[in-house]
């Protein structure tokens, strides 16, 4: 993985969409929850955390 966007492309859905909507398009958790059919913004926020952990693992693992 050369950069963060390479790592994001390896994530798969829905993590890829969630992180892109949040960081690139600056959507709120409420908007993302509606887009990805989460029950509420808090669930979307929890999923974002899990996605970021997966992304960190991908980036650190492939750069070792």
N, C-alpha and C. Protein backbone atom coordinates (compact mmCIF):
# COMPACT_ATOMS: atom_id res chain seq x y z
N UNK A 1 0.85 -1.18 0.00
CA UNK A 1 0.00 0.00 0.00
C UNK A 1 0.89 1.23 0.00
N UNK A 2 0.75 2.02 -1.03
CA UNK A 2 1.59 3.22 -1.16
C UNK A 2 1.00 4.41 -0.42
N UNK A 3 -0.32 4.49 -0.38
CA UNK A 3 -0.94 5.63 0.30
C UNK A 3 -2.30 5.23 0.86
N UNK A 4 -2.95 6.17 1.50
CA UNK A 4 -4.21 5.88 2.18
C UNK A 4 -5.30 5.46 1.21
N UNK A 5 -5.35 6.05 0.02
CA UNK A 5 -6.41 5.67 -0.92
C UNK A 5 -6.22 4.24 -1.42
N UNK A 6 -4.98 3.77 -1.50
CA UNK A 6 -4.75 2.36 -1.83
C UNK A 6 -5.33 1.47 -0.73
N UNK A 7 -5.11 1.87 0.50
CA UNK A 7 -5.64 1.10 1.63
C UNK A 7 -7.15 1.09 1.64
N UNK A 8 -7.76 2.24 1.36
CA UNK A 8 -9.22 2.33 1.33
C UNK A 8 -9.80 1.43 0.24
N UNK A 9 -9.12 1.38 -0.90
CA UNK A 9 -9.63 0.54 -1.99
C UNK A 9 -9.60 -0.94 -1.63
N UNK A 10 -8.74 -1.33 -0.71
CA UNK A 10 -8.67 -2.73 -0.27
C UNK A 10 -9.68 -3.06 0.82
N UNK A 11 -10.32 -2.07 1.38
CA UNK A 11 -11.25 -2.28 2.50
C UNK A 11 -12.50 -3.05 2.13
N UNK A 12 -13.08 -2.75 1.00
CA UNK A 12 -14.36 -3.35 0.66
C UNK A 12 -15.51 -2.53 1.21
N UNK A 13 -16.70 -2.93 0.84
CA UNK A 13 -17.90 -2.22 1.29
C UNK A 13 -18.39 -2.79 2.61
N UNK A 14 -19.07 -2.05 3.46
CA UNK A 14 -19.45 -0.65 3.35
C UNK A 14 -18.37 0.32 3.85
N UNK A 15 -17.27 -0.23 4.35
CA UNK A 15 -16.23 0.64 4.93
C UNK A 15 -15.71 1.67 3.93
N UNK A 16 -15.49 1.23 2.72
CA UNK A 16 -14.97 2.13 1.69
C UNK A 16 -15.90 3.34 1.51
N UNK A 17 -17.17 3.08 1.32
CA UNK A 17 -18.15 4.14 1.13
C UNK A 17 -18.25 5.02 2.36
N UNK A 18 -18.30 4.41 3.52
CA UNK A 18 -18.43 5.18 4.76
C UNK A 18 -17.28 6.16 4.94
N UNK A 19 -16.06 5.70 4.79
CA UNK A 19 -14.90 6.57 4.99
C UNK A 19 -14.80 7.66 3.92
N UNK A 20 -15.11 7.30 2.69
CA UNK A 20 -15.08 8.30 1.61
C UNK A 20 -16.13 9.38 1.85
N UNK A 21 -17.33 8.97 2.21
CA UNK A 21 -18.40 9.95 2.46
C UNK A 21 -18.04 10.87 3.63
N UNK A 22 -17.43 10.30 4.66
CA UNK A 22 -17.11 11.09 5.84
C UNK A 22 -15.91 12.01 5.61
N UNK A 23 -14.81 11.48 5.11
CA UNK A 23 -13.59 12.27 5.01
C UNK A 23 -13.47 13.10 3.73
N UNK A 24 -13.95 12.57 2.62
CA UNK A 24 -13.82 13.31 1.36
C UNK A 24 -15.00 14.24 1.12
N UNK A 25 -16.20 13.77 1.39
CA UNK A 25 -17.40 14.55 1.10
C UNK A 25 -17.97 15.26 2.31
N UNK A 26 -17.32 15.07 3.48
CA UNK A 26 -17.68 15.78 4.72
C UNK A 26 -19.15 15.60 5.12
N UNK A 27 -19.70 14.41 4.84
CA UNK A 27 -21.08 14.16 5.25
C UNK A 27 -21.13 13.87 6.75
N UNK A 28 -22.27 14.16 7.35
CA UNK A 28 -22.44 13.90 8.78
C UNK A 28 -22.73 12.41 8.99
N UNK A 29 -22.59 11.99 10.24
CA UNK A 29 -22.90 10.60 10.56
C UNK A 29 -24.38 10.30 10.31
N UNK A 30 -25.21 11.29 10.52
CA UNK A 30 -26.65 11.12 10.27
C UNK A 30 -26.90 10.86 8.78
N UNK A 31 -26.24 11.63 7.93
CA UNK A 31 -26.38 11.44 6.47
C UNK A 31 -25.84 10.08 6.04
N UNK A 32 -24.71 9.69 6.60
CA UNK A 32 -24.11 8.41 6.25
C UNK A 32 -24.98 7.25 6.73
N UNK A 33 -25.56 7.41 7.92
CA UNK A 33 -26.46 6.37 8.44
C UNK A 33 -27.63 6.16 7.49
N UNK A 34 -28.19 7.24 6.98
CA UNK A 34 -29.31 7.13 6.04
C UNK A 34 -28.86 6.49 4.73
N UNK A 35 -27.69 6.90 4.24
CA UNK A 35 -27.16 6.38 2.98
C UNK A 35 -26.89 4.87 3.04
N UNK A 36 -26.32 4.43 4.16
CA UNK A 36 -25.92 3.03 4.28
C UNK A 36 -26.91 2.18 5.08
N UNK A 37 -28.07 2.75 5.36
CA UNK A 37 -29.16 2.04 6.05
C UNK A 37 -28.79 1.56 7.45
N UNK A 38 -28.03 2.37 8.18
CA UNK A 38 -27.81 2.09 9.59
C UNK A 38 -29.00 2.65 10.36
N UNK A 39 -29.26 2.09 11.52
CA UNK A 39 -30.45 2.53 12.27
C UNK A 39 -30.32 3.95 12.80
N UNK A 40 -29.09 4.37 13.11
CA UNK A 40 -28.90 5.75 13.59
C UNK A 40 -27.45 6.18 13.41
N UNK A 41 -27.19 7.45 13.72
CA UNK A 41 -25.86 8.01 13.54
C UNK A 41 -24.83 7.35 14.46
N UNK A 42 -25.26 6.94 15.63
CA UNK A 42 -24.34 6.29 16.58
C UNK A 42 -23.82 4.96 16.02
N UNK A 43 -24.69 4.20 15.37
CA UNK A 43 -24.25 2.95 14.73
C UNK A 43 -23.26 3.22 13.61
N UNK A 44 -23.51 4.28 12.85
CA UNK A 44 -22.59 4.65 11.77
C UNK A 44 -21.23 5.04 12.35
N UNK A 45 -21.25 5.77 13.47
CA UNK A 45 -20.02 6.19 14.13
C UNK A 45 -19.22 4.97 14.62
N UNK A 46 -19.90 4.01 15.20
CA UNK A 46 -19.23 2.78 15.66
C UNK A 46 -18.63 2.02 14.49
N UNK A 47 -19.36 1.97 13.39
CA UNK A 47 -18.86 1.29 12.20
C UNK A 47 -17.65 2.02 11.63
N UNK A 48 -17.66 3.33 11.66
CA UNK A 48 -16.52 4.11 11.18
C UNK A 48 -15.27 3.77 11.99
N UNK A 49 -15.42 3.65 13.29
CA UNK A 49 -14.30 3.28 14.15
C UNK A 49 -13.74 1.91 13.74
N UNK A 50 -14.62 0.94 13.54
CA UNK A 50 -14.19 -0.40 13.14
C UNK A 50 -13.50 -0.37 11.78
N UNK A 51 -14.03 0.43 10.88
CA UNK A 51 -13.43 0.56 9.55
C UNK A 51 -12.04 1.16 9.63
N UNK A 52 -11.87 2.18 10.47
CA UNK A 52 -10.55 2.80 10.63
C UNK A 52 -9.55 1.81 11.21
N UNK A 53 -10.00 0.96 12.12
CA UNK A 53 -9.12 -0.06 12.69
C UNK A 53 -8.68 -1.05 11.61
N UNK A 54 -9.62 -1.44 10.76
CA UNK A 54 -9.29 -2.35 9.65
C UNK A 54 -8.31 -1.70 8.69
N UNK A 55 -8.53 -0.41 8.40
CA UNK A 55 -7.65 0.32 7.50
C UNK A 55 -6.24 0.41 8.07
N UNK A 56 -6.13 0.69 9.36
CA UNK A 56 -4.81 0.74 10.01
C UNK A 56 -4.10 -0.59 9.88
N UNK A 57 -4.85 -1.66 10.08
CA UNK A 57 -4.26 -3.01 9.97
C UNK A 57 -3.75 -3.27 8.55
N UNK A 58 -4.54 -2.89 7.57
CA UNK A 58 -4.15 -3.08 6.17
C UNK A 58 -2.88 -2.29 5.85
N UNK A 59 -2.87 -1.03 6.26
CA UNK A 59 -1.74 -0.16 5.94
C UNK A 59 -0.47 -0.64 6.65
N UNK A 60 -0.56 -0.96 7.93
CA UNK A 60 0.65 -1.37 8.66
C UNK A 60 1.12 -2.74 8.21
N UNK A 61 0.18 -3.64 7.94
CA UNK A 61 0.56 -5.00 7.53
C UNK A 61 1.28 -5.01 6.19
N UNK A 62 0.79 -4.23 5.24
CA UNK A 62 1.38 -4.25 3.91
C UNK A 62 2.64 -3.41 3.81
N UNK A 63 2.88 -2.53 4.78
CA UNK A 63 4.09 -1.72 4.76
C UNK A 63 5.23 -2.30 5.59
N UNK A 64 5.03 -3.46 6.15
CA UNK A 64 6.10 -4.08 6.96
C UNK A 64 7.14 -4.71 6.08
